[in-house]
Amino acid sequence: MPILFALLAAAGVAVLLMLSVQRREQHRETLRATLLQTQVELLKAAAADPELARAAAGPQFGGSEGEEARRHLFFEAQVTAWELQWRIGATSRHQLHAQASALLAAEEGRRYWERARANRADLTGDDDKLRAFTKVFDEARRALRPAEAR
């Protein structure tokens, strides 16, 4: 009887530990989603102001006209929104691939990805979801026909 009680107690502790880990991971994902939403709002605000757009888009846009920086920020906000959908499970890999393919079908979308890809890849760290997200875009880029890739 004491062995059975010990096994039941150990099972109870294991369940509580699993719930604690699951709750912590869920809280972390909620924070990430909130941060991504905030990032999209900041990008939208920057895209509305040409001077702020150049500052927010980075040094590669410092000397350019505001429209190019604003387009870059628009794409960044769009891709960040897709990242949020991906992170919370609101879009499938197939849907994400279709979105990435549509973005990369246009020259402007490819230019955006060429500029943004390295920064986004550097931010993946040990985040498997973000690494998979970037991989889908890379696969869509490689899938372009040679004429489209230029």
N, C-alpha and C. Protein backbone atom coordinates (compact mmCIF):
# COMPACT_ATOMS: atom_id res chain seq x y z
N MET A 1 0.80 -1.20 0.00
CA MET A 1 0.00 0.00 0.00
C MET A 1 0.85 1.28 0.00
N PRO A 2 1.93 1.34 0.80
CA PRO A 2 2.77 2.54 0.78
C PRO A 2 3.40 2.79 -0.60
N ILE A 3 3.71 1.72 -1.33
CA ILE A 3 4.30 1.89 -2.66
C ILE A 3 3.27 2.53 -3.60
N LEU A 4 2.05 2.09 -3.52
CA LEU A 4 0.99 2.65 -4.34
C LEU A 4 0.78 4.13 -4.02
N PHE A 5 0.80 4.46 -2.73
CA PHE A 5 0.65 5.85 -2.32
C PHE A 5 1.81 6.70 -2.85
N ALA A 6 3.02 6.17 -2.80
CA ALA A 6 4.20 6.89 -3.29
C ALA A 6 4.10 7.11 -4.80
N LEU A 7 3.65 6.10 -5.52
CA LEU A 7 3.48 6.24 -6.97
C LEU A 7 2.42 7.28 -7.31
N LEU A 8 1.31 7.27 -6.58
CA LEU A 8 0.27 8.27 -6.81
C LEU A 8 0.78 9.68 -6.50
N ALA A 9 1.54 9.82 -5.44
CA ALA A 9 2.10 11.13 -5.08
C ALA A 9 3.08 11.60 -6.15
N ALA A 10 3.91 10.69 -6.63
CA ALA A 10 4.88 11.04 -7.68
C ALA A 10 4.15 11.45 -8.96
N ALA A 11 3.08 10.74 -9.29
CA ALA A 11 2.30 11.08 -10.49
C ALA A 11 1.66 12.46 -10.32
N GLY A 12 1.16 12.74 -9.12
CA GLY A 12 0.57 14.05 -8.85
C GLY A 12 1.59 15.17 -9.00
N VAL A 13 2.78 14.96 -8.48
CA VAL A 13 3.85 15.96 -8.60
C VAL A 13 4.23 16.15 -10.07
N ALA A 14 4.31 15.06 -10.82
CA ALA A 14 4.67 15.15 -12.23
C ALA A 14 3.62 15.96 -13.01
N VAL A 15 2.35 15.72 -12.72
CA VAL A 15 1.28 16.46 -13.38
C VAL A 15 1.36 17.95 -13.05
N LEU A 16 1.61 18.27 -11.79
CA LEU A 16 1.73 19.67 -11.39
C LEU A 16 2.93 20.34 -12.07
N LEU A 17 4.03 19.64 -12.18
CA LEU A 17 5.20 20.18 -12.87
C LEU A 17 4.90 20.43 -14.35
N MET A 18 4.22 19.48 -14.98
CA MET A 18 3.87 19.65 -16.39
C MET A 18 2.95 20.85 -16.58
N LEU A 19 1.98 21.01 -15.70
CA LEU A 19 1.07 22.15 -15.79
C LEU A 19 1.81 23.46 -15.60
N SER A 20 2.76 23.47 -14.68
CA SER A 20 3.55 24.68 -14.44
C SER A 20 4.39 25.05 -15.67
N VAL A 21 5.03 24.08 -16.27
CA VAL A 21 5.84 24.33 -17.47
C VAL A 21 4.94 24.79 -18.61
N GLN A 22 3.80 24.14 -18.76
CA GLN A 22 2.88 24.51 -19.83
C GLN A 22 2.36 25.94 -19.62
N ARG A 23 2.01 26.29 -18.40
CA ARG A 23 1.52 27.64 -18.12
C ARG A 23 2.60 28.68 -18.39
N ARG A 24 3.84 28.39 -18.02
CA ARG A 24 4.94 29.32 -18.26
C ARG A 24 5.16 29.52 -19.76
N GLU A 25 5.12 28.44 -20.53
CA GLU A 25 5.30 28.54 -21.98
C GLU A 25 4.15 29.30 -22.62
N GLN A 26 2.94 29.08 -22.14
CA GLN A 26 1.79 29.79 -22.66
C GLN A 26 1.91 31.29 -22.35
N HIS A 27 2.37 31.62 -21.16
CA HIS A 27 2.57 33.03 -20.80
C HIS A 27 3.64 33.66 -21.69
N ARG A 28 4.70 32.94 -21.95
CA ARG A 28 5.78 33.42 -22.81
C ARG A 28 5.26 33.69 -24.23
N GLU A 29 4.45 32.78 -24.75
CA GLU A 29 3.87 32.97 -26.09
C GLU A 29 2.92 34.16 -26.12
N THR A 30 2.16 34.36 -25.06
CA THR A 30 1.27 35.51 -24.99
C THR A 30 2.07 36.81 -25.00
N LEU A 31 3.17 36.83 -24.26
CA LEU A 31 4.03 38.02 -24.27
C LEU A 31 4.63 38.27 -25.65
N ARG A 32 5.08 37.21 -26.30
CA ARG A 32 5.63 37.36 -27.65
C ARG A 32 4.59 37.91 -28.61
N ALA A 33 3.37 37.40 -28.52
CA ALA A 33 2.29 37.87 -29.40
C ALA A 33 1.99 39.35 -29.13
N THR A 34 1.97 39.74 -27.88
CA THR A 34 1.73 41.14 -27.53
C THR A 34 2.85 42.03 -28.07
N LEU A 35 4.08 41.58 -27.95
CA LEU A 35 5.21 42.35 -28.47
C LEU A 35 5.14 42.48 -29.99
N LEU A 36 4.78 41.41 -30.67
CA LEU A 36 4.65 41.48 -32.12
C LEU A 36 3.53 42.44 -32.54
N GLN A 37 2.43 42.43 -31.80
CA GLN A 37 1.35 43.37 -32.10
C GLN A 37 1.82 44.81 -31.91
N THR A 38 2.58 45.04 -30.85
CA THR A 38 3.12 46.37 -30.59
C THR A 38 4.07 46.78 -31.71
N GLN A 39 4.89 45.84 -32.16
CA GLN A 39 5.83 46.12 -33.25
C GLN A 39 5.08 46.51 -34.52
N VAL A 40 4.00 45.83 -34.83
CA VAL A 40 3.21 46.16 -36.01
C VAL A 40 2.63 47.57 -35.88
N GLU A 41 2.14 47.92 -34.70
CA GLU A 41 1.59 49.26 -34.49
C GLU A 41 2.67 50.33 -34.65
N LEU A 42 3.87 50.07 -34.15
CA LEU A 42 4.97 51.02 -34.31
C LEU A 42 5.36 51.16 -35.77
N LEU A 43 5.40 50.05 -36.48
CA LEU A 43 5.73 50.10 -37.91
C LEU A 43 4.68 50.88 -38.69
N LYS A 44 3.41 50.70 -38.34
CA LYS A 44 2.35 51.43 -39.01
C LYS A 44 2.50 52.93 -38.76
N ALA A 45 2.83 53.31 -37.53
CA ALA A 45 3.01 54.72 -37.22
C ALA A 45 4.20 55.30 -37.99
N ALA A 46 5.29 54.53 -38.06
CA ALA A 46 6.47 55.01 -38.78
C ALA A 46 6.19 55.11 -40.27
N ALA A 47 5.41 54.21 -40.80
CA ALA A 47 5.11 54.24 -42.23
C ALA A 47 4.25 55.44 -42.60
N ALA A 48 3.55 56.01 -41.64
CA ALA A 48 2.70 57.16 -41.91
C ALA A 48 3.48 58.47 -41.98
N ASP A 49 4.72 58.47 -41.51
CA ASP A 49 5.53 59.69 -41.47
C ASP A 49 6.85 59.44 -42.19
N PRO A 50 7.09 60.11 -43.36
CA PRO A 50 8.30 59.83 -44.15
C PRO A 50 9.61 59.97 -43.36
N GLU A 51 9.71 60.99 -42.51
CA GLU A 51 10.94 61.19 -41.75
C GLU A 51 11.13 60.08 -40.72
N LEU A 52 10.07 59.75 -40.02
CA LEU A 52 10.13 58.67 -39.05
C LEU A 52 10.36 57.33 -39.77
N ALA A 53 9.81 57.20 -40.95
CA ALA A 53 9.99 55.97 -41.73
C ALA A 53 11.47 55.74 -42.05
N ARG A 54 12.16 56.81 -42.48
CA ARG A 54 13.59 56.67 -42.78
C ARG A 54 14.37 56.28 -41.53
N ALA A 55 14.03 56.88 -40.41
CA ALA A 55 14.73 56.56 -39.16
C ALA A 55 14.43 55.13 -38.72
N ALA A 56 13.18 54.71 -38.82
CA ALA A 56 12.80 53.38 -38.37
C ALA A 56 13.29 52.27 -39.29
N ALA A 57 13.39 52.57 -40.58
CA ALA A 57 13.78 51.54 -41.55
C ALA A 57 15.26 51.23 -41.49
N GLY A 58 16.04 52.12 -40.91
CA GLY A 58 17.45 51.82 -40.74
C GLY A 58 18.36 52.65 -41.62
N PRO A 59 19.67 52.50 -41.41
CA PRO A 59 20.64 53.34 -42.10
C PRO A 59 20.65 53.18 -43.62
N GLN A 60 20.23 52.02 -44.13
CA GLN A 60 20.25 51.84 -45.59
C GLN A 60 19.26 52.75 -46.29
N PHE A 61 18.34 53.37 -45.53
CA PHE A 61 17.35 54.27 -46.12
C PHE A 61 17.58 55.73 -45.75
N GLY A 62 18.67 56.02 -45.05
CA GLY A 62 18.94 57.37 -44.57
C GLY A 62 18.96 58.42 -45.66
N GLY A 63 19.56 58.14 -46.79
CA GLY A 63 19.67 59.12 -47.86
C GLY A 63 18.58 58.99 -48.91
N SER A 64 17.72 58.01 -48.78
CA SER A 64 16.70 57.80 -49.82
C SER A 64 15.45 58.60 -49.51
N GLU A 65 14.58 58.64 -50.48
CA GLU A 65 13.32 59.33 -50.25
C GLU A 65 12.45 58.48 -49.32
N GLY A 66 11.53 59.12 -48.65
CA GLY A 66 10.73 58.44 -47.63
C GLY A 66 9.86 57.32 -48.16
N GLU A 67 9.45 57.39 -49.43
CA GLU A 67 8.55 56.37 -49.97
C GLU A 67 9.17 54.97 -49.93
N GLU A 68 10.43 54.86 -50.26
CA GLU A 68 11.09 53.55 -50.25
C GLU A 68 11.12 52.99 -48.83
N ALA A 69 11.46 53.83 -47.88
CA ALA A 69 11.48 53.39 -46.48
C ALA A 69 10.08 53.02 -46.01
N ARG A 70 9.08 53.77 -46.42
CA ARG A 70 7.71 53.47 -46.02
C ARG A 70 7.25 52.15 -46.60
N ARG A 71 7.61 51.86 -47.85
CA ARG A 71 7.27 50.56 -48.45
C ARG A 71 7.95 49.43 -47.69
N HIS A 72 9.21 49.63 -47.34
CA HIS A 72 9.93 48.62 -46.57
C HIS A 72 9.21 48.36 -45.24
N LEU A 73 8.81 49.42 -44.56
CA LEU A 73 8.11 49.27 -43.28
C LEU A 73 6.75 48.61 -43.45
N PHE A 74 6.09 48.89 -44.57
CA PHE A 74 4.81 48.22 -44.84
C PHE A 74 5.03 46.71 -44.95
N PHE A 75 6.04 46.32 -45.73
CA PHE A 75 6.34 44.89 -45.86
C PHE A 75 6.74 44.29 -44.51
N GLU A 76 7.52 45.03 -43.74
CA GLU A 76 7.94 44.54 -42.42
C GLU A 76 6.72 44.32 -41.52
N ALA A 77 5.78 45.26 -41.54
CA ALA A 77 4.56 45.10 -40.74
C ALA A 77 3.75 43.91 -41.22
N GLN A 78 3.67 43.75 -42.54
CA GLN A 78 2.91 42.63 -43.09
C GLN A 78 3.54 41.29 -42.69
N VAL A 79 4.84 41.18 -42.83
CA VAL A 79 5.53 39.93 -42.49
C VAL A 79 5.47 39.68 -40.98
N THR A 80 5.55 40.74 -40.19
CA THR A 80 5.44 40.59 -38.73
C THR A 80 4.04 40.12 -38.34
N ALA A 81 3.02 40.62 -39.02
CA ALA A 81 1.65 40.15 -38.76
C ALA A 81 1.52 38.67 -39.12
N TRP A 82 2.13 38.26 -40.22
CA TRP A 82 2.11 36.84 -40.59
C TRP A 82 2.87 36.01 -39.56
N GLU A 83 3.96 36.57 -39.05
CA GLU A 83 4.72 35.87 -38.01
C GLU A 83 3.86 35.67 -36.77
N LEU A 84 3.10 36.69 -36.40
CA LEU A 84 2.20 36.58 -35.26
C LEU A 84 1.16 35.49 -35.50
N GLN A 85 0.56 35.49 -36.69
CA GLN A 85 -0.42 34.45 -37.01
C GLN A 85 0.22 33.06 -36.95
N TRP A 86 1.42 32.94 -37.44
CA TRP A 86 2.16 31.67 -37.43
C TRP A 86 2.42 31.25 -35.99
N ARG A 87 2.87 32.19 -35.18
CA ARG A 87 3.23 31.90 -33.80
C ARG A 87 2.05 31.40 -33.00
N ILE A 88 0.86 31.98 -33.21
CA ILE A 88 -0.30 31.58 -32.42
C ILE A 88 -1.07 30.43 -33.05
N GLY A 89 -0.58 29.94 -34.20
CA GLY A 89 -1.22 28.79 -34.84
C GLY A 89 -2.43 29.15 -35.69
N ALA A 90 -2.55 30.43 -36.07
CA ALA A 90 -3.70 30.86 -36.85
C ALA A 90 -3.49 30.67 -38.35
N THR A 91 -2.31 30.23 -38.76
CA THR A 91 -2.04 29.96 -40.17
C THR A 91 -1.20 28.69 -40.28
N SER A 92 -1.46 27.95 -41.33
CA SER A 92 -0.72 26.71 -41.54
C SER A 92 0.56 26.98 -42.33
N ARG A 93 1.42 25.99 -42.40
CA ARG A 93 2.64 26.11 -43.18
C ARG A 93 2.31 26.35 -44.66
N HIS A 94 1.29 25.65 -45.15
CA HIS A 94 0.86 25.83 -46.53
C HIS A 94 0.39 27.26 -46.78
N GLN A 95 -0.42 27.79 -45.88
CA GLN A 95 -0.92 29.16 -46.03
C GLN A 95 0.24 30.17 -45.96
N LEU A 96 1.16 29.95 -45.03
CA LEU A 96 2.31 30.85 -44.90
C LEU A 96 3.16 30.81 -46.17
N HIS A 97 3.34 29.62 -46.72
CA HIS A 97 4.11 29.50 -47.95
C HIS A 97 3.44 30.27 -49.08
N ALA A 98 2.11 30.19 -49.15
CA ALA A 98 1.37 30.93 -50.18
C ALA A 98 1.53 32.44 -49.99
N GLN A 99 1.48 32.90 -48.74
CA GLN A 99 1.67 34.33 -48.47
C GLN A 99 3.09 34.77 -48.84
N ALA A 100 4.07 33.96 -48.46
CA ALA A 100 5.47 34.29 -48.78
C ALA A 100 5.67 34.30 -50.29
N SER A 101 5.10 33.33 -50.98
CA SER A 101 5.24 33.27 -52.45
C SER A 101 4.63 34.50 -53.10
N ALA A 102 3.47 34.92 -52.60
CA ALA A 102 2.81 36.11 -53.16
C ALA A 102 3.67 37.36 -52.92
N LEU A 103 4.23 37.49 -51.75
CA LEU A 103 5.08 38.64 -51.45
C LEU A 103 6.32 38.63 -52.35
N LEU A 104 6.93 37.46 -52.49
CA LEU A 104 8.19 37.36 -53.22
C LEU A 104 7.99 37.33 -54.74
N ALA A 105 6.76 37.23 -55.19
CA ALA A 105 6.50 37.23 -56.63
C ALA A 105 6.79 38.60 -57.24
N ALA A 106 6.68 39.63 -56.45
CA ALA A 106 6.95 40.99 -56.93
C ALA A 106 8.39 41.38 -56.61
N GLU A 107 8.98 42.14 -57.51
CA GLU A 107 10.37 42.59 -57.32
C GLU A 107 10.55 43.32 -56.00
N GLU A 108 9.60 44.17 -55.66
CA GLU A 108 9.70 44.94 -54.42
C GLU A 108 9.70 44.02 -53.20
N GLY A 109 8.88 42.98 -53.24
CA GLY A 109 8.84 42.00 -52.15
C GLY A 109 10.16 41.26 -52.02
N ARG A 110 10.76 40.91 -53.16
CA ARG A 110 12.06 40.22 -53.12
C ARG A 110 13.14 41.14 -52.56
N ARG A 111 13.10 42.43 -52.95
CA ARG A 111 14.08 43.39 -52.42
C ARG A 111 13.92 43.51 -50.90
N TYR A 112 12.66 43.57 -50.46
CA TYR A 112 12.42 43.63 -49.02
C TYR A 112 13.06 42.43 -48.33
N TRP A 113 12.77 41.22 -48.85
CA TRP A 113 13.25 40.01 -48.18
C TRP A 113 14.78 39.95 -48.19
N GLU A 114 15.40 40.39 -49.27
CA GLU A 114 16.86 40.40 -49.34
C GLU A 114 17.44 41.32 -48.27
N ARG A 115 16.78 42.45 -48.03
CA ARG A 115 17.27 43.38 -47.00
C ARG A 115 16.96 42.87 -45.60
N ALA A 116 15.79 42.28 -45.39
CA ALA A 116 15.33 41.93 -44.05
C ALA A 116 15.75 40.53 -43.60
N ARG A 117 16.04 39.64 -44.53
CA ARG A 117 16.25 38.24 -44.19
C ARG A 117 17.36 38.03 -43.17
N ALA A 118 18.50 38.67 -43.37
CA ALA A 118 19.64 38.46 -42.46
C ALA A 118 19.28 38.90 -41.04
N ASN A 119 18.62 40.05 -40.91
CA ASN A 119 18.24 40.51 -39.57
C ASN A 119 17.24 39.56 -38.92
N ARG A 120 16.26 39.12 -39.71
CA ARG A 120 15.27 38.20 -39.16
C ARG A 120 15.91 36.87 -38.78
N ALA A 121 16.83 36.39 -39.59
CA ALA A 121 17.51 35.12 -39.30
C ALA A 121 18.36 35.25 -38.04
N ASP A 122 19.00 36.40 -37.85
CA ASP A 122 19.82 36.62 -36.66
C ASP A 122 18.99 36.60 -35.39
N LEU A 123 17.71 36.96 -35.49
CA LEU A 123 16.86 37.04 -34.31
C LEU A 123 16.23 35.71 -33.92
N THR A 124 16.40 34.67 -34.75
CA THR A 124 15.73 33.40 -34.45
C THR A 124 16.27 32.73 -33.21
N GLY A 125 17.58 32.81 -32.98
CA GLY A 125 18.16 32.18 -31.79
C GLY A 125 17.74 30.73 -31.68
N ASP A 126 17.22 30.36 -30.51
CA ASP A 126 16.77 28.98 -30.31
C ASP A 126 15.25 28.86 -30.44
N ASP A 127 14.64 29.84 -31.09
CA ASP A 127 13.19 29.86 -31.28
C ASP A 127 12.83 29.02 -32.51
N ASP A 128 12.38 27.80 -32.27
CA ASP A 128 12.05 26.89 -33.36
C ASP A 128 10.95 27.42 -34.27
N LYS A 129 9.95 28.09 -33.69
CA LYS A 129 8.85 28.62 -34.50
C LYS A 129 9.36 29.71 -35.45
N LEU A 130 10.22 30.59 -34.94
CA LEU A 130 10.74 31.66 -35.77
C LEU A 130 11.69 31.12 -36.83
N ARG A 131 12.46 30.11 -36.48
CA ARG A 131 13.35 29.48 -37.45
C ARG A 131 12.53 28.83 -38.56
N ALA A 132 11.44 28.16 -38.21
CA ALA A 132 10.57 27.53 -39.22
C ALA A 132 9.90 28.60 -40.09
N PHE A 133 9.51 29.71 -39.48
CA PHE A 133 8.90 30.81 -40.22
C PHE A 133 9.86 31.32 -41.29
N THR A 134 11.09 31.58 -40.91
CA THR A 134 12.11 32.08 -41.85
C THR A 134 12.39 31.04 -42.93
N LYS A 135 12.39 29.78 -42.54
CA LYS A 135 12.65 28.70 -43.50
C LYS A 135 11.56 28.65 -44.59
N VAL A 136 10.31 28.88 -44.21
CA VAL A 136 9.22 28.89 -45.20
C VAL A 136 9.47 29.99 -46.23
N PHE A 137 9.89 31.17 -45.77
CA PHE A 137 10.18 32.27 -46.72
C PHE A 137 11.36 31.92 -47.61
N ASP A 138 12.38 31.30 -47.03
CA ASP A 138 13.53 30.90 -47.84
C ASP A 138 13.14 29.86 -48.89
N GLU A 139 12.28 28.92 -48.50
CA GLU A 139 11.81 27.92 -49.45
C GLU A 139 11.01 28.57 -50.58
N ALA A 140 10.17 29.53 -50.23
CA ALA A 140 9.38 30.23 -51.25
C ALA A 140 10.30 31.01 -52.19
N ARG A 141 11.36 31.57 -51.65
CA ARG A 141 12.33 32.32 -52.48
C ARG A 141 13.04 31.38 -53.45
N ARG A 142 13.45 30.22 -52.95
CA ARG A 142 14.15 29.24 -53.80
C ARG A 142 13.21 28.66 -54.86
N ALA A 143 11.93 28.61 -54.56
CA ALA A 143 10.95 28.02 -55.49
C ALA A 143 10.63 28.92 -56.68
N LEU A 144 11.06 30.18 -56.62
CA LEU A 144 10.79 31.08 -57.75
C LEU A 144 11.51 30.59 -58.99
N ARG A 145 10.85 30.77 -60.11
CA ARG A 145 11.52 30.44 -61.36
C ARG A 145 12.65 31.44 -61.58
N PRO A 146 13.70 31.05 -62.30
CA PRO A 146 14.85 31.96 -62.50
C PRO A 146 14.45 33.34 -63.01
N ALA A 147 13.49 33.44 -63.91
CA ALA A 147 13.08 34.74 -64.42
C ALA A 147 12.45 35.60 -63.34
N GLU A 148 11.74 34.96 -62.39
CA GLU A 148 11.10 35.69 -61.30
C GLU A 148 12.11 36.12 -60.26
N ALA A 149 13.16 35.41 -60.11
CA ALA A 149 14.13 35.64 -59.04
C ALA A 149 14.97 36.88 -59.27
N ARG A 150 14.95 37.42 -60.45
CA ARG A 150 15.78 38.60 -60.73
C ARG A 150 15.21 39.85 -60.16
